Amino acid sequence: MSIPATLTAGQVLSRHQEFTVIDVRTPGEYASGHLPGAVNIPLDRIAPSLPRLRRAAEDKGLLLVCATGARSENAARTLASHGIPSTSLTGGTRSWSAGGHGLDYPAEGRRSVWAMERQVRVTAGSLVLLGLVLGLLVHPAFQLLSAGIGAGLVFSAVTDTCGMALVLGRLPFNRRR
């Protein structure tokens, strides 16, 4: 399987009309600002959306976007494994807005939601601290919580997946209103 192509924000700007833009962030992140015309299909909904994405790819190229480019590249690999060509925006919406390009917001207004990476960091860090504190104050077995989170982070890095992000993505503030 080949790694899908990527484009920079500047390259996308000049070719924006050639693409159907798919934002793979959570609905909450999408509501905090997305590329003009982007459709929100969260990463955890890519597999069930394969027929729809295949049809869209037949009409125009698919441009996958997330906050930094990591999730969109993951989605692009998933699509490529099903024979659906796509392109990922290098640097995601951060590079798009840093380049001075505007973002659109849903009709119900802008929502302020932390990026999924930030949500994972604060959750993992909090659980590690909780395990250490409870291990010192209550019972040493609570340190297994910290060890489990550490093992999960290593597994996440090695496999380029994140179970904690999948769980956090199901929380109400990360879903559509």
N, C-alpha and C. Protein backbone atom coordinates (compact mmCIF):
# COMPACT_ATOMS: atom_id res chain seq x y z
N MET A 1 0.84 -1.17 0.00
CA MET A 1 0.00 0.00 0.00
C MET A 1 0.89 1.24 0.00
N SER A 2 0.64 2.18 -0.89
CA SER A 2 1.45 3.38 -0.96
C SER A 2 0.87 4.46 -0.04
N ILE A 3 1.75 5.34 0.39
CA ILE A 3 1.32 6.45 1.23
C ILE A 3 0.65 7.49 0.34
N PRO A 4 -0.56 7.93 0.69
CA PRO A 4 -1.28 8.91 -0.13
C PRO A 4 -0.53 10.25 -0.22
N ALA A 5 -0.81 10.98 -1.27
CA ALA A 5 -0.17 12.28 -1.50
C ALA A 5 -0.65 13.31 -0.50
N THR A 6 0.18 14.30 -0.27
CA THR A 6 -0.18 15.43 0.58
C THR A 6 0.02 16.72 -0.20
N LEU A 7 -0.71 17.75 0.21
CA LEU A 7 -0.58 19.08 -0.39
C LEU A 7 -0.46 20.11 0.73
N THR A 8 0.26 21.19 0.46
CA THR A 8 0.36 22.28 1.43
C THR A 8 -0.86 23.18 1.29
N ALA A 9 -1.05 24.06 2.26
CA ALA A 9 -2.18 24.99 2.22
C ALA A 9 -2.13 25.86 0.96
N GLY A 10 -0.95 26.32 0.59
CA GLY A 10 -0.82 27.14 -0.61
C GLY A 10 -1.20 26.38 -1.88
N GLN A 11 -0.80 25.11 -1.95
CA GLN A 11 -1.15 24.29 -3.11
C GLN A 11 -2.65 24.05 -3.16
N VAL A 12 -3.26 23.84 -2.01
CA VAL A 12 -4.70 23.59 -1.96
C VAL A 12 -5.47 24.84 -2.36
N LEU A 13 -5.00 26.01 -1.91
CA LEU A 13 -5.69 27.25 -2.21
C LEU A 13 -5.85 27.45 -3.71
N SER A 14 -4.81 27.15 -4.46
CA SER A 14 -4.87 27.35 -5.91
C SER A 14 -5.68 26.26 -6.62
N ARG A 15 -5.96 25.16 -5.92
CA ARG A 15 -6.69 24.03 -6.55
C ARG A 15 -7.94 23.65 -5.77
N HIS A 16 -8.40 24.51 -4.88
CA HIS A 16 -9.49 24.20 -3.95
C HIS A 16 -10.73 23.65 -4.65
N GLN A 17 -11.06 24.18 -5.81
CA GLN A 17 -12.28 23.76 -6.51
C GLN A 17 -12.19 22.34 -7.09
N GLU A 18 -10.98 21.78 -7.13
CA GLU A 18 -10.80 20.43 -7.66
C GLU A 18 -11.16 19.34 -6.65
N PHE A 19 -11.45 19.75 -5.41
CA PHE A 19 -11.61 18.77 -4.34
C PHE A 19 -12.97 18.83 -3.66
N THR A 20 -13.38 17.67 -3.20
CA THR A 20 -14.41 17.58 -2.17
C THR A 20 -13.62 17.52 -0.87
N VAL A 21 -13.83 18.48 0.02
CA VAL A 21 -13.06 18.57 1.25
C VAL A 21 -13.79 17.82 2.36
N ILE A 22 -13.08 16.85 2.95
CA ILE A 22 -13.63 16.04 4.03
C ILE A 22 -12.82 16.35 5.29
N ASP A 23 -13.49 16.87 6.31
CA ASP A 23 -12.85 17.17 7.59
C ASP A 23 -13.07 15.98 8.50
N VAL A 24 -11.99 15.30 8.92
CA VAL A 24 -12.10 14.07 9.70
C VAL A 24 -12.02 14.30 11.21
N ARG A 25 -12.08 15.56 11.64
CA ARG A 25 -12.07 15.85 13.07
C ARG A 25 -13.45 15.56 13.68
N THR A 26 -13.52 15.63 14.99
CA THR A 26 -14.81 15.43 15.66
C THR A 26 -15.74 16.58 15.29
N PRO A 27 -17.05 16.39 15.40
CA PRO A 27 -17.97 17.49 15.11
C PRO A 27 -17.70 18.74 15.95
N GLY A 28 -17.29 18.55 17.19
CA GLY A 28 -16.97 19.71 18.03
C GLY A 28 -15.79 20.49 17.48
N GLU A 29 -14.75 19.78 17.05
CA GLU A 29 -13.59 20.46 16.46
C GLU A 29 -13.97 21.13 15.15
N TYR A 30 -14.77 20.44 14.34
CA TYR A 30 -15.25 20.98 13.06
C TYR A 30 -15.99 22.30 13.29
N ALA A 31 -16.82 22.33 14.34
CA ALA A 31 -17.59 23.53 14.64
C ALA A 31 -16.72 24.70 15.10
N SER A 32 -15.49 24.41 15.50
CA SER A 32 -14.60 25.49 15.92
C SER A 32 -13.89 26.15 14.74
N GLY A 33 -14.22 25.73 13.52
CA GLY A 33 -13.68 26.33 12.30
C GLY A 33 -13.15 25.28 11.36
N HIS A 34 -13.56 25.34 10.07
CA HIS A 34 -13.16 24.35 9.08
C HIS A 34 -12.94 25.03 7.73
N LEU A 35 -12.28 24.32 6.83
CA LEU A 35 -12.05 24.85 5.49
C LEU A 35 -13.39 25.12 4.81
N PRO A 36 -13.45 26.17 4.00
CA PRO A 36 -14.69 26.48 3.30
C PRO A 36 -15.19 25.28 2.48
N GLY A 37 -16.45 24.96 2.65
CA GLY A 37 -17.08 23.88 1.89
C GLY A 37 -16.80 22.49 2.42
N ALA A 38 -16.08 22.38 3.52
CA ALA A 38 -15.73 21.06 4.06
C ALA A 38 -16.96 20.34 4.61
N VAL A 39 -16.96 19.02 4.40
CA VAL A 39 -17.99 18.14 4.95
C VAL A 39 -17.36 17.40 6.11
N ASN A 40 -18.07 17.28 7.21
CA ASN A 40 -17.53 16.62 8.40
C ASN A 40 -17.89 15.14 8.41
N ILE A 41 -16.85 14.30 8.28
CA ILE A 41 -16.97 12.86 8.47
C ILE A 41 -15.84 12.48 9.42
N PRO A 42 -16.16 12.37 10.73
CA PRO A 42 -15.11 12.07 11.71
C PRO A 42 -14.36 10.78 11.38
N LEU A 43 -13.12 10.73 11.81
CA LEU A 43 -12.26 9.60 11.52
C LEU A 43 -12.91 8.27 11.89
N ASP A 44 -13.61 8.23 13.01
CA ASP A 44 -14.24 6.98 13.42
C ASP A 44 -15.47 6.63 12.58
N ARG A 45 -15.86 7.51 11.65
CA ARG A 45 -17.00 7.25 10.76
C ARG A 45 -16.55 7.03 9.31
N ILE A 46 -15.24 6.95 9.08
CA ILE A 46 -14.73 6.76 7.72
C ILE A 46 -15.18 5.42 7.15
N ALA A 47 -14.99 4.35 7.90
CA ALA A 47 -15.35 3.01 7.40
C ALA A 47 -16.82 2.91 7.00
N PRO A 48 -17.76 3.35 7.84
CA PRO A 48 -19.17 3.28 7.42
C PRO A 48 -19.50 4.21 6.25
N SER A 49 -18.64 5.19 6.01
CA SER A 49 -18.89 6.17 4.94
C SER A 49 -18.18 5.82 3.63
N LEU A 50 -17.56 4.65 3.55
CA LEU A 50 -16.80 4.28 2.35
C LEU A 50 -17.61 4.38 1.06
N PRO A 51 -18.86 3.88 0.99
CA PRO A 51 -19.60 4.02 -0.28
C PRO A 51 -19.80 5.47 -0.69
N ARG A 52 -20.15 6.30 0.28
CA ARG A 52 -20.34 7.73 0.01
C ARG A 52 -19.03 8.39 -0.44
N LEU A 53 -17.93 8.04 0.21
CA LEU A 53 -16.63 8.61 -0.15
C LEU A 53 -16.16 8.11 -1.52
N ARG A 54 -16.45 6.86 -1.83
CA ARG A 54 -16.09 6.32 -3.15
C ARG A 54 -16.81 7.10 -4.25
N ARG A 55 -18.12 7.36 -4.05
CA ARG A 55 -18.89 8.14 -5.04
C ARG A 55 -18.33 9.56 -5.16
N ALA A 56 -18.00 10.17 -4.03
CA ALA A 56 -17.46 11.53 -4.05
C ALA A 56 -16.12 11.57 -4.77
N ALA A 57 -15.29 10.53 -4.59
CA ALA A 57 -13.97 10.48 -5.24
C ALA A 57 -14.10 10.30 -6.75
N GLU A 58 -15.21 9.73 -7.19
CA GLU A 58 -15.42 9.57 -8.64
C GLU A 58 -15.74 10.90 -9.30
N ASP A 59 -16.34 11.83 -8.54
CA ASP A 59 -16.71 13.15 -9.07
C ASP A 59 -15.55 14.13 -9.03
N LYS A 60 -14.87 14.20 -7.90
CA LYS A 60 -13.77 15.13 -7.67
C LYS A 60 -12.73 14.42 -6.83
N GLY A 61 -11.57 15.04 -6.70
CA GLY A 61 -10.58 14.50 -5.78
C GLY A 61 -11.03 14.71 -4.34
N LEU A 62 -10.61 13.82 -3.47
CA LEU A 62 -10.92 13.98 -2.05
C LEU A 62 -9.74 14.63 -1.35
N LEU A 63 -10.00 15.70 -0.64
CA LEU A 63 -8.99 16.35 0.19
C LEU A 63 -9.40 16.12 1.64
N LEU A 64 -8.55 15.40 2.37
CA LEU A 64 -8.83 15.09 3.76
C LEU A 64 -8.10 16.09 4.66
N VAL A 65 -8.81 16.57 5.68
CA VAL A 65 -8.29 17.62 6.55
C VAL A 65 -8.58 17.27 8.00
N CYS A 66 -7.62 17.58 8.88
CA CYS A 66 -7.83 17.51 10.32
C CYS A 66 -7.14 18.72 10.92
N ALA A 67 -6.83 18.67 12.20
CA ALA A 67 -6.18 19.83 12.84
C ALA A 67 -4.74 20.00 12.40
N THR A 68 -3.97 18.90 12.32
CA THR A 68 -2.53 19.00 12.03
C THR A 68 -2.08 18.17 10.84
N GLY A 69 -2.92 17.32 10.33
CA GLY A 69 -2.56 16.46 9.21
C GLY A 69 -2.39 15.01 9.59
N ALA A 70 -2.26 14.69 10.88
CA ALA A 70 -2.03 13.31 11.30
C ALA A 70 -3.25 12.43 11.09
N ARG A 71 -4.41 12.88 11.55
CA ARG A 71 -5.63 12.06 11.37
C ARG A 71 -6.05 11.99 9.91
N SER A 72 -5.84 13.07 9.16
CA SER A 72 -6.22 13.03 7.75
C SER A 72 -5.33 12.06 6.97
N GLU A 73 -4.05 11.97 7.34
CA GLU A 73 -3.17 10.99 6.69
C GLU A 73 -3.59 9.57 7.06
N ASN A 74 -4.01 9.37 8.29
CA ASN A 74 -4.52 8.08 8.72
C ASN A 74 -5.78 7.72 7.91
N ALA A 75 -6.67 8.68 7.75
CA ALA A 75 -7.88 8.45 6.96
C ALA A 75 -7.53 8.16 5.50
N ALA A 76 -6.53 8.86 4.97
CA ALA A 76 -6.11 8.65 3.58
C ALA A 76 -5.57 7.23 3.39
N ARG A 77 -4.83 6.73 4.39
CA ARG A 77 -4.34 5.35 4.31
C ARG A 77 -5.50 4.35 4.33
N THR A 78 -6.49 4.63 5.16
CA THR A 78 -7.67 3.77 5.21
C THR A 78 -8.38 3.76 3.86
N LEU A 79 -8.58 4.93 3.28
CA LEU A 79 -9.24 5.01 1.97
C LEU A 79 -8.41 4.31 0.90
N ALA A 80 -7.09 4.50 0.93
CA ALA A 80 -6.22 3.86 -0.07
C ALA A 80 -6.31 2.34 0.04
N SER A 81 -6.46 1.82 1.25
CA SER A 81 -6.57 0.37 1.41
C SER A 81 -7.88 -0.17 0.82
N HIS A 82 -8.83 0.72 0.57
CA HIS A 82 -10.10 0.33 -0.07
C HIS A 82 -10.16 0.82 -1.52
N GLY A 83 -9.02 1.23 -2.04
CA GLY A 83 -8.96 1.65 -3.44
C GLY A 83 -9.54 3.02 -3.72
N ILE A 84 -9.64 3.86 -2.72
CA ILE A 84 -10.19 5.20 -2.90
C ILE A 84 -9.05 6.21 -2.79
N PRO A 85 -8.72 6.88 -3.89
CA PRO A 85 -7.62 7.85 -3.85
C PRO A 85 -8.02 9.12 -3.10
N SER A 86 -7.07 9.69 -2.39
CA SER A 86 -7.32 10.94 -1.67
C SER A 86 -6.01 11.66 -1.42
N THR A 87 -6.14 12.89 -0.98
CA THR A 87 -4.99 13.74 -0.67
C THR A 87 -5.21 14.31 0.72
N SER A 88 -4.12 14.50 1.46
CA SER A 88 -4.20 15.05 2.81
C SER A 88 -3.57 16.44 2.84
N LEU A 89 -4.19 17.34 3.58
CA LEU A 89 -3.64 18.69 3.75
C LEU A 89 -2.54 18.66 4.81
N THR A 90 -1.32 18.92 4.40
CA THR A 90 -0.18 18.96 5.32
C THR A 90 -0.39 20.07 6.33
N GLY A 91 -0.31 19.73 7.61
CA GLY A 91 -0.46 20.74 8.65
C GLY A 91 -1.90 21.05 9.01
N GLY A 92 -2.85 20.49 8.27
CA GLY A 92 -4.27 20.63 8.59
C GLY A 92 -4.79 22.05 8.64
N THR A 93 -5.88 22.21 9.41
CA THR A 93 -6.50 23.53 9.51
C THR A 93 -5.57 24.55 10.17
N ARG A 94 -4.63 24.06 10.98
CA ARG A 94 -3.67 25.00 11.60
C ARG A 94 -2.83 25.67 10.54
N SER A 95 -2.31 24.90 9.58
CA SER A 95 -1.49 25.50 8.53
C SER A 95 -2.34 26.35 7.60
N TRP A 96 -3.59 25.94 7.39
CA TRP A 96 -4.50 26.71 6.54
C TRP A 96 -4.74 28.09 7.14
N SER A 97 -5.10 28.15 8.41
CA SER A 97 -5.38 29.44 9.03
C SER A 97 -4.09 30.24 9.27
N ALA A 98 -2.97 29.56 9.55
CA ALA A 98 -1.69 30.25 9.72
C ALA A 98 -1.25 30.91 8.42
N GLY A 99 -1.68 30.36 7.28
CA GLY A 99 -1.37 30.95 5.99
C GLY A 99 -2.27 32.13 5.65
N GLY A 100 -3.15 32.51 6.58
CA GLY A 100 -4.03 33.65 6.36
C GLY A 100 -5.30 33.31 5.61
N HIS A 101 -5.61 32.04 5.45
CA HIS A 101 -6.81 31.62 4.75
C HIS A 101 -7.95 31.49 5.74
N GLY A 102 -9.13 31.89 5.32
CA GLY A 102 -10.28 31.91 6.21
C GLY A 102 -10.86 30.54 6.51
N LEU A 103 -11.54 30.46 7.63
CA LEU A 103 -12.26 29.27 8.03
C LEU A 103 -13.75 29.57 8.04
N ASP A 104 -14.56 28.57 7.79
CA ASP A 104 -16.01 28.69 7.89
C ASP A 104 -16.46 28.09 9.21
N TYR A 105 -17.67 28.49 9.62
CA TYR A 105 -18.25 28.00 10.87
C TYR A 105 -19.68 27.55 10.60
N PRO A 106 -20.16 26.58 11.36
CA PRO A 106 -21.54 26.10 11.15
C PRO A 106 -22.56 27.21 11.37
N ALA A 107 -23.76 27.03 10.81
CA ALA A 107 -24.82 28.03 10.92
C ALA A 107 -25.18 28.33 12.37
N GLU A 108 -25.09 27.31 13.25
CA GLU A 108 -25.45 27.53 14.65
C GLU A 108 -24.37 28.29 15.41
N GLY A 109 -23.28 28.63 14.75
CA GLY A 109 -22.26 29.45 15.37
C GLY A 109 -21.00 28.69 15.72
N ARG A 110 -19.99 29.46 16.04
CA ARG A 110 -18.67 28.91 16.36
C ARG A 110 -18.70 28.29 17.76
N ARG A 111 -18.06 27.15 17.88
CA ARG A 111 -17.91 26.49 19.17
C ARG A 111 -16.44 26.42 19.52
N SER A 112 -16.15 26.58 20.77
CA SER A 112 -14.77 26.49 21.21
C SER A 112 -14.55 25.12 21.85
N VAL A 113 -13.88 24.25 21.14
CA VAL A 113 -13.58 22.90 21.63
C VAL A 113 -12.09 22.67 21.45
N TRP A 114 -11.47 22.10 22.46
CA TRP A 114 -10.05 21.78 22.35
C TRP A 114 -9.82 20.77 21.26
N ALA A 115 -8.68 20.86 20.60
CA ALA A 115 -8.28 19.87 19.60
C ALA A 115 -8.16 18.51 20.28
N MET A 116 -8.42 17.45 19.53
CA MET A 116 -8.41 16.10 20.10
C MET A 116 -7.07 15.76 20.72
N GLU A 117 -5.97 16.17 20.10
CA GLU A 117 -4.64 15.90 20.67
C GLU A 117 -4.51 16.51 22.06
N ARG A 118 -5.03 17.71 22.22
CA ARG A 118 -4.96 18.39 23.52
C ARG A 118 -5.85 17.68 24.53
N GLN A 119 -7.03 17.23 24.10
CA GLN A 119 -7.92 16.48 24.99
C GLN A 119 -7.25 15.19 25.46
N VAL A 120 -6.57 14.50 24.54
CA VAL A 120 -5.88 13.26 24.91
C VAL A 120 -4.76 13.56 25.90
N ARG A 121 -3.98 14.62 25.66
CA ARG A 121 -2.88 14.94 26.56
C ARG A 121 -3.37 15.26 27.97
N VAL A 122 -4.43 16.06 28.08
CA VAL A 122 -4.91 16.42 29.42
C VAL A 122 -5.52 15.21 30.11
N THR A 123 -6.21 14.36 29.38
CA THR A 123 -6.82 13.16 29.98
C THR A 123 -5.73 12.19 30.43
N ALA A 124 -4.78 11.90 29.55
CA ALA A 124 -3.70 10.97 29.89
C ALA A 124 -2.89 11.50 31.07
N GLY A 125 -2.53 12.77 31.03
CA GLY A 125 -1.76 13.35 32.12
C GLY A 125 -2.50 13.31 33.44
N SER A 126 -3.80 13.61 33.40
CA SER A 126 -4.61 13.57 34.62
C SER A 126 -4.70 12.16 35.19
N LEU A 127 -4.88 11.18 34.32
CA LEU A 127 -4.97 9.79 34.80
C LEU A 127 -3.65 9.29 35.36
N VAL A 128 -2.54 9.69 34.74
CA VAL A 128 -1.22 9.30 35.27
C VAL A 128 -1.02 9.92 36.65
N LEU A 129 -1.31 11.21 36.80
CA LEU A 129 -1.17 11.86 38.10
C LEU A 129 -2.10 11.23 39.14
N LEU A 130 -3.34 10.96 38.74
CA LEU A 130 -4.29 10.33 39.65
C LEU A 130 -3.76 8.98 40.14
N GLY A 131 -3.24 8.17 39.23
CA GLY A 131 -2.69 6.87 39.60
C GLY A 131 -1.52 7.00 40.56
N LEU A 132 -0.65 7.97 40.32
CA LEU A 132 0.49 8.17 41.21
C LEU A 132 0.07 8.65 42.59
N VAL A 133 -0.84 9.62 42.63
CA VAL A 133 -1.29 10.16 43.92
C VAL A 133 -2.03 9.08 44.72
N LEU A 134 -2.96 8.38 44.07
CA LEU A 134 -3.69 7.32 44.76
C LEU A 134 -2.75 6.19 45.18
N GLY A 135 -1.73 5.94 44.37
CA GLY A 135 -0.75 4.92 44.72
C GLY A 135 0.04 5.28 45.96
N LEU A 136 0.29 6.56 46.16
CA LEU A 136 1.01 7.01 47.35
C LEU A 136 0.11 7.12 48.58
N LEU A 137 -1.12 7.60 48.38
CA LEU A 137 -2.00 7.89 49.50
C LEU A 137 -2.93 6.74 49.89
N VAL A 138 -3.33 5.92 48.93
CA VAL A 138 -4.34 4.90 49.21
C VAL A 138 -3.74 3.49 49.17
N HIS A 139 -3.26 3.10 48.01
CA HIS A 139 -2.72 1.75 47.86
C HIS A 139 -1.80 1.73 46.64
N PRO A 140 -0.64 1.08 46.74
CA PRO A 140 0.31 1.05 45.61
C PRO A 140 -0.26 0.46 44.32
N ALA A 141 -1.31 -0.33 44.42
CA ALA A 141 -1.90 -0.93 43.21
C ALA A 141 -2.45 0.13 42.25
N PHE A 142 -2.80 1.31 42.78
CA PHE A 142 -3.31 2.36 41.91
C PHE A 142 -2.26 2.85 40.91
N GLN A 143 -0.98 2.56 41.17
CA GLN A 143 0.07 2.94 40.23
C GLN A 143 -0.05 2.18 38.91
N LEU A 144 -0.80 1.07 38.94
CA LEU A 144 -1.06 0.32 37.70
C LEU A 144 -1.85 1.16 36.70
N LEU A 145 -2.66 2.09 37.21
CA LEU A 145 -3.38 2.99 36.31
C LEU A 145 -2.39 3.82 35.49
N SER A 146 -1.39 4.36 36.17
CA SER A 146 -0.36 5.14 35.47
C SER A 146 0.40 4.28 34.47
N ALA A 147 0.73 3.06 34.88
CA ALA A 147 1.45 2.15 33.98
C ALA A 147 0.58 1.81 32.76
N GLY A 148 -0.70 1.60 32.99
CA GLY A 148 -1.61 1.28 31.88
C GLY A 148 -1.73 2.42 30.88
N ILE A 149 -1.82 3.64 31.39
CA ILE A 149 -1.90 4.80 30.50
C ILE A 149 -0.59 4.96 29.73
N GLY A 150 0.54 4.78 30.42
CA GLY A 150 1.84 4.84 29.73
C GLY A 150 1.95 3.80 28.64
N ALA A 151 1.52 2.58 28.92
CA ALA A 151 1.54 1.51 27.90
C ALA A 151 0.62 1.85 26.74
N GLY A 152 -0.53 2.43 27.04
CA GLY A 152 -1.46 2.83 25.98
C GLY A 152 -0.87 3.91 25.08
N LEU A 153 -0.14 4.84 25.67
CA LEU A 153 0.49 5.90 24.88
C LEU A 153 1.58 5.33 23.97
N VAL A 154 2.36 4.38 24.49
CA VAL A 154 3.39 3.74 23.67
C VAL A 154 2.72 2.98 22.52
N PHE A 155 1.69 2.21 22.83
CA PHE A 155 0.96 1.46 21.80
C PHE A 155 0.40 2.42 20.75
N SER A 156 -0.15 3.55 21.21
CA SER A 156 -0.71 4.55 20.30
C SER A 156 0.35 5.08 19.35
N ALA A 157 1.54 5.35 19.87
CA ALA A 157 2.62 5.87 19.03
C ALA A 157 3.10 4.84 18.02
N VAL A 158 3.23 3.59 18.47
CA VAL A 158 3.74 2.53 17.59
C VAL A 158 2.75 2.20 16.47
N THR A 159 1.46 2.17 16.80
CA THR A 159 0.44 1.78 15.81
C THR A 159 -0.18 2.96 15.08
N ASP A 160 0.14 4.18 15.50
CA ASP A 160 -0.44 5.40 14.93
C ASP A 160 -1.96 5.38 15.02
N THR A 161 -2.45 4.86 16.15
CA THR A 161 -3.88 4.89 16.46
C THR A 161 -4.02 5.47 17.86
N CYS A 162 -5.23 5.80 18.26
CA CYS A 162 -5.41 6.32 19.61
C CYS A 162 -6.78 5.94 20.13
N GLY A 163 -6.80 4.92 20.96
CA GLY A 163 -8.05 4.48 21.56
C GLY A 163 -8.67 5.54 22.44
N MET A 164 -7.84 6.30 23.15
CA MET A 164 -8.37 7.35 24.01
C MET A 164 -9.08 8.42 23.19
N ALA A 165 -8.53 8.75 22.02
CA ALA A 165 -9.18 9.74 21.15
C ALA A 165 -10.52 9.22 20.66
N LEU A 166 -10.62 7.92 20.37
CA LEU A 166 -11.90 7.36 19.95
C LEU A 166 -12.93 7.48 21.06
N VAL A 167 -12.52 7.21 22.29
CA VAL A 167 -13.44 7.33 23.43
C VAL A 167 -13.83 8.79 23.65
N LEU A 168 -12.86 9.68 23.66
CA LEU A 168 -13.13 11.10 23.88
C LEU A 168 -14.02 11.67 22.76
N GLY A 169 -13.85 11.16 21.56
CA GLY A 169 -14.66 11.63 20.43
C GLY A 169 -16.13 11.32 20.58
N ARG A 170 -16.48 10.40 21.46
CA ARG A 170 -17.87 10.04 21.70
C ARG A 170 -18.53 10.88 22.80
N LEU A 171 -17.75 11.72 23.47
CA LEU A 171 -18.31 12.56 24.53
C LEU A 171 -19.21 13.63 23.92
N PRO A 172 -20.21 14.09 24.67
CA PRO A 172 -21.20 15.03 24.11
C PRO A 172 -20.61 16.29 23.51
N PHE A 173 -19.58 16.88 24.11
CA PHE A 173 -19.03 18.12 23.57
C PHE A 173 -18.26 17.91 22.28
N ASN A 174 -17.96 16.67 21.92
CA ASN A 174 -17.29 16.38 20.66
C ASN A 174 -18.27 15.91 19.59
N ARG A 175 -19.53 15.93 19.88
CA ARG A 175 -20.57 15.50 18.95
C ARG A 175 -21.36 16.70 18.46
N ARG A 176 -22.12 16.48 17.41
CA ARG A 176 -22.99 17.55 16.90
C ARG A 176 -24.04 17.88 17.96
N ARG A 177 -24.45 19.12 17.96
CA ARG A 177 -25.51 19.53 18.90
C ARG A 177 -26.82 18.93 18.48
